[in-house]
């Protein structure tokens, strides 16, 4: 656990408000913070209403967000319904594999959301992005806007038949938009295959689940799976790279214990019970970093862990919210929990989204109440 002197020195640094400076140090601290308590957690129907649409874009999962300037947010989605909601739900609609939205205004009152996807010459909907090698489809993951343009990670997936789990991941691509100003429909995009995708029979390893800019570094988070440990066998792994070198994979370094190394196979686990998609952000009001995720990837429980740095060590999990939709039908499950710090009203709160789906695809088609991002406001505080 480290020396008493080391603990006191680190606490003095945090108390002085120098957490960001500490975060860029090479050595993680010896212990995690005491996590805050949840003061309140309640749905935000006014935000939900921005994504409850009856025509055109009518639902999607994923729901990563990327700040674009002072009052604009880019939303990144995976599989997306395009069509019209009727008494039969999405029956007769098309499903594409990814879409975007641009939100203008950070408060739901007065905000507008423009949903974007491509169309064929005959007017049929198409995904915004397809893999550069022409194989499979892309599901959008995390993104980050930098001085060198917009970077988006995307999982390359092979569809294997019917059902919500009829797919297999085949890789990860880094999508680069050098000049993201203007309409996304006019973007000039380049793609690079991530060399850090590691498929294995007992569980995969990938990076791109979350991104965070902190000082001169960008931290890229991923997961490594070991299903011999059961449902909680997915753990966090962490990489970092200079902010102007994101696209240079040879410049990436991976957290292995107390050091940053070149070999991703040496990356050590931050904590287990993770999802493939999650968020990591900084809470200025608490001077902590926070990872938000759905427990084990599929659960009605959205959890958070806290750290003094972007790379741990991480606290024990705190229950932020229990999704009620799993009580509607025994086939319903929740996933895709993550936070959106650009939407928060204060430095001690989280705006969290999640998605509900069904193990029965027929029900997912018919029930238009599910399969779009639901919003929750979580207020945090220290125990007194």
Protein backbone atom coordinates (compact mmCIF):
# COMPACT_ATOMS: atom_id res chain seq x y z
CA UNK A 1 0.00 0.00 0.00
CA UNK A 2 2.99 2.35 0.04
CA UNK A 3 4.55 4.42 2.80
CA UNK A 4 2.73 6.80 5.11
CA UNK A 5 4.91 9.63 3.81
CA UNK A 6 3.93 8.81 0.25
CA UNK A 7 0.23 8.86 1.13
CA UNK A 8 0.51 12.20 2.91
CA UNK A 9 2.44 13.75 0.01
CA UNK A 10 -0.20 12.68 -2.48
CA UNK A 11 -3.07 13.90 -0.30
CA UNK A 12 -1.33 17.27 0.10
CA UNK A 13 -1.14 17.55 -3.68
CA UNK A 14 -4.86 16.80 -4.09
CA UNK A 15 -5.84 19.14 -1.24
CA UNK A 16 -3.91 21.94 -2.93
CA UNK A 17 -6.14 21.50 -6.00
CA UNK A 18 -3.32 20.11 -8.15
CA UNK A 19 -5.10 16.94 -9.18
CA UNK A 20 -4.63 17.58 -12.89
CA UNK A 21 -0.92 18.01 -12.38
CA UNK A 22 -0.78 14.79 -10.38
CA UNK A 23 -2.68 13.01 -13.13
CA UNK A 24 0.12 13.49 -15.65
CA UNK A 25 2.73 11.92 -13.36
CA UNK A 26 4.10 8.55 -14.50
CA UNK A 27 3.45 6.65 -11.27
CA UNK A 28 -0.10 5.92 -10.09
CA UNK A 29 -0.84 6.70 -6.44
CA UNK A 30 -0.88 3.82 -3.99
CA UNK A 31 -4.55 4.01 -3.06
CA UNK A 32 -7.93 5.12 -4.50
CA UNK A 33 -10.16 7.85 -3.08
CA UNK A 34 -13.10 7.27 -0.80
CA UNK A 35 -15.98 7.30 -3.29
CA UNK A 36 -18.74 9.90 -2.92
CA UNK A 37 -22.32 9.04 -2.07
CA UNK A 38 -25.28 9.43 -4.42
CA UNK A 39 -27.41 12.36 -3.22
CA UNK A 40 -30.09 11.88 -5.89
CA UNK A 41 -30.61 9.96 -9.12
CA UNK A 42 -33.66 10.73 -11.22
CA UNK A 43 -34.75 10.45 -14.86
CA UNK A 44 -34.58 13.49 -17.14
CA UNK A 45 -37.69 13.23 -19.34
CA UNK A 46 -36.97 16.64 -20.88
CA UNK A 47 -33.74 15.20 -22.34
CA UNK A 48 -35.46 11.95 -23.30
CA UNK A 49 -37.94 13.96 -25.35
CA UNK A 50 -35.15 15.18 -27.65
CA UNK A 51 -34.56 11.57 -28.76
CA UNK A 52 -38.14 10.28 -28.82
CA UNK A 53 -39.05 10.65 -32.48
CA UNK A 54 -41.90 9.21 -34.52
CA UNK A 55 -40.37 9.55 -37.99
CA UNK A 56 -36.93 9.39 -39.60
CA UNK A 57 -34.38 8.50 -36.90
CA UNK A 58 -36.55 6.63 -34.38
CA UNK A 59 -34.05 4.93 -32.09
CA UNK A 60 -30.49 3.68 -31.67
CA UNK A 61 -28.05 2.37 -29.09
CA UNK A 62 -24.49 3.38 -28.22
CA UNK A 63 -25.05 7.08 -27.55
CA UNK A 64 -21.51 8.34 -27.03
CA UNK A 65 -21.15 12.12 -27.02
CA UNK A 66 -18.31 14.43 -28.10
CA UNK A 67 -18.29 18.16 -27.24
CA UNK A 68 -17.96 20.36 -30.34
CA UNK A 69 -17.30 23.87 -29.11
CA UNK A 70 -19.18 25.75 -26.43
CA UNK A 71 -22.79 24.71 -27.09
CA UNK A 72 -22.71 21.84 -29.60
CA UNK A 73 -22.53 18.10 -28.99
CA UNK A 74 -21.91 15.31 -31.49
CA UNK A 75 -23.76 12.06 -30.73
CA UNK A 76 -22.44 8.70 -31.97
CA UNK A 77 -24.82 5.77 -32.37
CA UNK A 78 -24.65 2.09 -33.25
CA UNK A 79 -27.51 0.16 -34.88
CA UNK A 80 -30.22 2.68 -35.76
CA UNK A 81 -33.91 2.48 -36.71
CA UNK A 82 -34.93 4.64 -39.67
CA UNK A 83 -38.60 4.82 -40.61
CA UNK A 84 -41.89 5.62 -38.91
CA UNK A 85 -43.37 4.58 -35.57
CA UNK A 86 -46.83 3.03 -35.94
CA UNK A 87 -49.08 0.85 -33.79
CA UNK A 88 -46.75 -2.00 -34.80
CA UNK A 89 -43.69 -0.16 -33.50
CA UNK A 90 -40.76 -0.24 -35.94
CA UNK A 91 -42.40 -2.75 -38.29
CA UNK A 92 -41.58 -1.74 -41.86
CA UNK A 93 -38.59 0.39 -40.78
CA UNK A 94 -34.99 -0.12 -41.86
CA UNK A 95 -32.05 -0.66 -39.52
CA UNK A 96 -28.64 0.79 -40.39
CA UNK A 97 -25.47 0.14 -38.42
CA UNK A 98 -24.46 3.63 -37.32
CA UNK A 99 -25.69 7.20 -37.35
CA UNK A 100 -24.85 10.63 -35.93
CA UNK A 101 -26.68 13.56 -34.40
CA UNK A 102 -25.64 17.14 -33.73
CA UNK A 103 -27.21 18.78 -30.70
CA UNK A 104 -27.25 22.58 -30.52
CA UNK A 105 -27.68 23.93 -27.00
CA UNK A 106 -26.62 22.09 -23.84
CA UNK A 107 -29.87 22.52 -21.89
CA UNK A 108 -32.89 20.56 -23.11
CA UNK A 109 -35.06 23.67 -22.99
CA UNK A 110 -34.56 25.24 -26.40
CA UNK A 111 -32.07 22.63 -27.62
CA UNK A 112 -32.36 21.08 -31.06
CA UNK A 113 -31.03 17.77 -32.39
CA UNK A 114 -30.32 17.08 -36.06
CA UNK A 115 -30.09 13.33 -36.80
CA UNK A 116 -27.82 12.31 -39.67
CA UNK A 117 -27.37 9.25 -41.87
CA UNK A 118 -26.64 8.67 -45.54
CA UNK A 119 -29.05 7.56 -48.26
CA UNK A 120 -28.68 5.70 -51.54
CA UNK A 121 -29.58 7.25 -54.89
CA UNK A 122 -32.99 5.58 -54.45
CA UNK A 123 -33.44 7.25 -51.05
CA UNK A 124 -32.87 4.18 -48.89
CA UNK A 125 -31.07 4.86 -45.56
CA UNK A 126 -27.38 3.96 -45.23
CA UNK A 127 -24.86 3.97 -42.40
CA UNK A 128 -22.64 7.04 -42.00
CA UNK A 129 -19.48 4.90 -41.95
CA UNK A 130 -18.47 1.53 -43.40
CA UNK A 131 -15.18 -0.37 -42.83
CA UNK A 132 -12.37 0.68 -45.15
CA UNK A 133 -11.68 -2.97 -46.03
CA UNK A 134 -15.31 -3.55 -47.04
CA UNK A 135 -15.89 -6.34 -44.53
CA UNK A 136 -18.75 -6.27 -42.02
CA UNK A 137 -20.13 -3.13 -40.42
CA UNK A 138 -19.02 -0.46 -37.94
CA UNK A 139 -20.51 0.33 -34.55
CA UNK A 140 -19.34 3.71 -33.30
CA UNK A 141 -17.54 3.84 -29.97
CA UNK A 142 -15.84 6.78 -28.23
CA UNK A 143 -14.70 10.02 -29.83
CA UNK A 144 -12.59 13.09 -29.13
CA UNK A 145 -12.23 16.47 -30.80
CA UNK A 146 -8.64 17.78 -30.89
CA UNK A 147 -6.57 20.46 -32.59
CA UNK A 148 -5.78 17.87 -35.26
CA UNK A 149 -9.38 17.03 -35.99
CA UNK A 150 -11.99 14.58 -34.78
CA UNK A 151 -11.04 11.01 -33.84
CA UNK A 152 -13.65 8.25 -33.50
CA UNK A 153 -13.18 4.59 -32.62
CA UNK A 154 -15.46 2.03 -34.23
CA UNK A 155 -15.85 -1.70 -33.65
CA UNK A 156 -15.78 -3.77 -36.84
CA UNK A 157 -18.52 -6.38 -36.57
CA UNK A 158 -19.53 -9.35 -38.68
CA UNK A 159 -23.27 -10.01 -38.65
CA UNK A 160 -24.01 -13.71 -38.21
CA UNK A 161 -27.77 -14.02 -38.43
CA UNK A 162 -30.91 -13.06 -36.57
CA UNK A 163 -31.24 -12.00 -32.95
CA UNK A 164 -29.72 -9.27 -30.83
CA UNK A 165 -26.50 -11.27 -30.31
CA UNK A 166 -26.11 -12.49 -33.89
CA UNK A 167 -22.71 -10.85 -34.42
CA UNK A 168 -18.99 -11.25 -33.79
CA UNK A 169 -16.40 -8.49 -33.46
CA UNK A 170 -13.54 -8.63 -35.97
CA UNK A 171 -11.48 -5.56 -35.15
CA UNK A 172 -11.35 -1.87 -34.30
CA UNK A 173 -10.87 1.11 -36.62
CA UNK A 174 -9.76 4.64 -35.83
CA UNK A 175 -11.75 7.11 -37.92
CA UNK A 176 -10.15 10.54 -38.47
CA UNK A 177 -12.00 13.61 -39.67
CA UNK A 178 -9.30 16.23 -40.29
CA UNK A 179 -11.73 19.11 -40.79
CA UNK A 180 -14.97 18.40 -38.87
CA UNK A 181 -16.46 21.87 -39.38
CA UNK A 182 -19.63 21.86 -41.43
CA UNK A 183 -22.14 19.08 -41.98
CA UNK A 184 -20.98 15.52 -41.16
CA UNK A 185 -22.55 14.48 -44.46
CA UNK A 186 -19.71 16.39 -46.17
CA UNK A 187 -16.83 15.12 -44.04
CA UNK A 188 -13.73 13.71 -45.70
CA UNK A 189 -12.85 10.67 -43.60
CA UNK A 190 -9.81 8.43 -43.29
CA UNK A 191 -9.60 5.13 -41.41
CA UNK A 192 -6.77 3.18 -39.81
CA UNK A 193 -7.07 -0.32 -38.41
CA UNK A 194 -6.05 -0.51 -34.76
CA UNK A 195 -3.19 -2.98 -34.24
CA UNK A 196 -4.23 -3.44 -30.61
CA UNK A 197 -7.24 -5.66 -31.28
CA UNK A 198 -6.53 -9.05 -29.68
CA UNK A 199 -9.13 -11.78 -30.36
CA UNK A 200 -9.00 -14.93 -28.25
CA UNK A 201 -11.21 -17.92 -27.56
CA UNK A 202 -11.39 -17.07 -23.87
CA UNK A 203 -12.10 -13.36 -24.42
CA UNK A 204 -10.96 -10.43 -26.57
CA UNK A 205 -8.91 -7.30 -25.86
CA UNK A 206 -9.61 -3.95 -27.51
CA UNK A 207 -9.03 -0.23 -27.00
CA UNK A 208 -11.42 2.62 -27.84
CA UNK A 209 -14.22 2.07 -25.31
CA UNK A 210 -13.61 5.53 -23.83
CA UNK A 211 -11.32 8.53 -24.40
CA UNK A 212 -10.22 11.38 -22.14
CA UNK A 213 -7.97 14.38 -22.76
CA UNK A 214 -5.94 15.31 -19.68
CA UNK A 215 -3.06 17.75 -20.03
CA UNK A 216 -0.78 16.78 -22.89
CA UNK A 217 -2.03 13.19 -22.95
CA UNK A 218 -5.07 11.46 -24.38
CA UNK A 219 -6.04 8.37 -22.40
CA UNK A 220 -7.64 5.60 -24.43
CA UNK A 221 -9.49 2.98 -22.42
CA UNK A 222 -10.44 -0.52 -23.41
CA UNK A 223 -11.19 -3.94 -22.03
CA UNK A 224 -9.68 -7.38 -21.74
CA UNK A 225 -11.91 -10.41 -21.27
CA UNK A 226 -11.26 -13.60 -19.34
CA UNK A 227 -14.48 -15.57 -19.33
CA UNK A 228 -12.98 -18.27 -17.11
CA UNK A 229 -13.81 -15.80 -14.30
CA UNK A 230 -17.52 -15.76 -15.16
CA UNK A 231 -19.78 -12.78 -15.91
CA UNK A 232 -17.37 -10.34 -14.25
CA UNK A 233 -14.46 -11.41 -16.43
CA UNK A 234 -14.14 -8.17 -18.41
CA UNK A 235 -11.62 -5.69 -17.01
CA UNK A 236 -10.37 -2.18 -17.81
CA UNK A 237 -7.06 -1.66 -19.61
CA UNK A 238 -5.56 1.78 -20.21
CA UNK A 239 -3.33 3.34 -22.88
CA UNK A 240 -2.10 6.87 -23.37
CA UNK A 241 -0.56 8.90 -26.16
CA UNK A 242 0.47 12.51 -26.73
CA UNK A 243 -2.58 14.46 -27.91
CA UNK A 244 -0.98 15.30 -31.27
CA UNK A 245 0.02 11.66 -31.88
CA UNK A 246 -3.29 9.81 -31.53
CA UNK A 247 -3.10 8.33 -35.01
CA UNK A 248 0.47 7.08 -34.52
CA UNK A 249 -0.05 3.72 -32.87
CA UNK A 250 3.71 3.26 -32.35
CA UNK A 251 3.56 6.17 -29.90
CA UNK A 252 0.95 4.54 -27.65
CA UNK A 253 1.98 3.28 -24.23
CA UNK A 254 0.07 0.89 -21.99
CA UNK A 255 -0.30 0.90 -18.22
CA UNK A 256 1.41 -2.14 -16.74
CA UNK A 257 1.42 -1.94 -12.97
CA UNK A 258 3.40 1.20 -12.11
CA UNK A 259 4.83 1.92 -15.58
CA UNK A 260 3.88 2.74 -19.15
CA UNK A 261 5.17 0.14 -21.62
CA UNK A 262 5.16 -0.47 -25.37
CA UNK A 263 3.68 -3.97 -25.23
CA UNK A 264 -0.15 -3.98 -24.92
CA UNK A 265 -0.07 -7.61 -23.82
CA UNK A 266 1.53 -6.47 -20.55
CA UNK A 267 -1.36 -4.10 -19.75
CA UNK A 268 -2.73 -4.70 -16.27
CA UNK A 269 -6.37 -4.62 -15.24
CA UNK A 270 -7.78 -1.54 -13.54
CA UNK A 271 -10.93 -3.29 -12.29
CA UNK A 272 -13.29 -6.05 -13.39
CA UNK A 273 -17.03 -6.32 -14.06
CA UNK A 274 -16.79 -3.80 -16.91
CA UNK A 275 -18.76 -3.26 -20.15
CA UNK A 276 -17.34 -2.96 -23.66
CA UNK A 277 -18.59 0.65 -23.77
CA UNK A 278 -18.30 3.13 -20.92
CA UNK A 279 -17.05 6.63 -20.09
CA UNK A 280 -14.20 8.16 -18.12
CA UNK A 281 -14.37 11.85 -17.19
CA UNK A 282 -13.21 14.37 -14.60
CA UNK A 283 -15.48 15.70 -11.85
CA UNK A 284 -14.05 19.13 -10.93
CA UNK A 285 -16.39 19.55 -7.97
CA UNK A 286 -15.01 16.39 -6.34
CA UNK A 287 -11.48 16.50 -7.81
CA UNK A 288 -11.91 12.90 -8.92
CA UNK A 289 -11.97 11.02 -12.19
CA UNK A 290 -14.96 8.76 -12.66
CA UNK A 291 -15.61 5.68 -14.79
CA UNK A 292 -19.31 5.03 -15.49
CA UNK A 293 -20.49 1.69 -16.87
CA UNK A 294 -23.24 -0.92 -16.87
CA UNK A 295 -22.36 -3.74 -14.49
CA UNK A 296 -20.91 -6.67 -16.47
CA UNK A 297 -22.14 -5.02 -19.68
CA UNK A 298 -25.76 -6.23 -19.43
CA UNK A 299 -27.57 -5.27 -16.23
CA UNK A 300 -30.13 -2.92 -14.74
CA UNK A 301 -27.33 -1.51 -12.53
CA UNK A 302 -25.26 1.49 -13.63
CA UNK A 303 -22.08 1.74 -11.56
CA UNK A 304 -19.25 4.23 -11.06
CA UNK A 305 -15.69 3.99 -9.77
CA UNK A 306 -13.50 6.92 -8.76
CA UNK A 307 -9.80 7.72 -8.95
CA UNK A 308 -7.35 10.52 -8.18
CA UNK A 309 -5.89 10.10 -11.68
CA UNK A 310 -7.16 9.09 -15.13
CA UNK A 311 -5.50 5.69 -14.74
CA UNK A 312 -6.31 4.54 -11.21
CA UNK A 313 -6.22 2.91 -8.83
CA UNK A 314 -10.01 2.84 -8.87
CA UNK A 315 -12.35 2.79 -5.88
CA UNK A 316 -14.91 0.11 -5.15
CA UNK A 317 -18.10 0.47 -7.25
CA UNK A 318 -20.91 2.86 -6.34
CA UNK A 319 -24.45 2.16 -7.55
CA UNK A 320 -25.65 5.23 -9.46
CA UNK A 321 -29.01 4.03 -10.78
CA UNK A 322 -31.17 0.95 -11.33
CA UNK A 323 -32.95 0.94 -14.66
CA UNK A 324 -36.67 0.18 -14.22
CA UNK A 325 -37.32 -1.05 -17.77
CA UNK A 326 -36.07 -4.57 -16.98
CA UNK A 327 -39.27 -4.96 -14.96
CA UNK A 328 -41.46 -4.36 -18.02
CA UNK A 329 -40.69 -7.73 -19.60
CA UNK A 330 -38.50 -10.67 -18.59
CA UNK A 331 -36.67 -10.47 -21.93
CA UNK A 332 -35.62 -6.80 -21.49
CA UNK A 333 -32.08 -5.85 -20.53
CA UNK A 334 -30.19 -2.56 -20.11
CA UNK A 335 -26.70 -1.68 -21.32
CA UNK A 336 -24.53 1.16 -22.72
CA UNK A 337 -24.35 3.13 -19.46
CA UNK A 338 -22.03 6.14 -19.69
CA UNK A 339 -21.72 9.78 -18.58
CA UNK A 340 -21.74 12.98 -20.65
CA UNK A 341 -19.74 15.60 -18.69
CA UNK A 342 -20.41 18.41 -21.17
CA UNK A 343 -24.11 18.29 -20.23
CA UNK A 344 -23.61 18.52 -16.45
CA UNK A 345 -24.87 21.65 -14.68
CA UNK A 346 -22.29 21.44 -11.90
CA UNK A 347 -18.97 19.83 -11.09
CA UNK A 348 -20.49 17.29 -8.69
CA UNK A 349 -23.13 15.74 -10.96
CA UNK A 350 -23.28 13.24 -13.78
CA UNK A 351 -25.66 13.16 -16.73
CA UNK A 352 -25.87 9.47 -17.62
CA UNK A 353 -27.50 7.62 -20.50
CA UNK A 354 -28.35 3.97 -21.01
CA UNK A 355 -30.34 1.89 -23.52
CA UNK A 356 -32.93 -0.86 -23.09
CA UNK A 357 -33.26 -3.76 -25.54
CA UNK A 358 -34.93 -7.16 -25.67
CA UNK A 359 -33.54 -10.67 -26.05
CA UNK A 360 -36.58 -11.25 -28.27
CA UNK A 361 -36.04 -9.28 -31.49
CA UNK A 362 -39.77 -9.36 -32.23
CA UNK A 363 -40.42 -7.43 -29.03
CA UNK A 364 -37.63 -4.99 -29.86
CA UNK A 365 -39.40 -4.28 -33.14
CA UNK A 366 -42.86 -3.87 -31.66
CA UNK A 367 -42.10 -1.90 -28.48
CA UNK A 368 -41.07 1.63 -29.47
CA UNK A 369 -40.68 2.52 -25.78
CA UNK A 370 -37.25 0.90 -25.84
CA UNK A 371 -34.05 1.24 -27.91
CA UNK A 372 -33.15 4.89 -27.58
CA UNK A 373 -30.98 6.70 -24.99
CA UNK A 374 -32.62 7.44 -21.65
CA UNK A 375 -31.16 10.19 -19.48
CA UNK A 376 -30.56 10.26 -15.72
CA UNK A 377 -29.21 13.05 -13.53
CA UNK A 378 -26.99 11.83 -10.65
CA UNK A 379 -25.97 14.26 -7.92
CA UNK A 380 -22.91 13.25 -5.87
CA UNK A 381 -21.61 14.39 -2.51
CA UNK A 382 -19.06 13.54 0.15
CA UNK A 383 -20.16 11.88 3.35
CA UNK A 384 -20.29 14.33 6.26
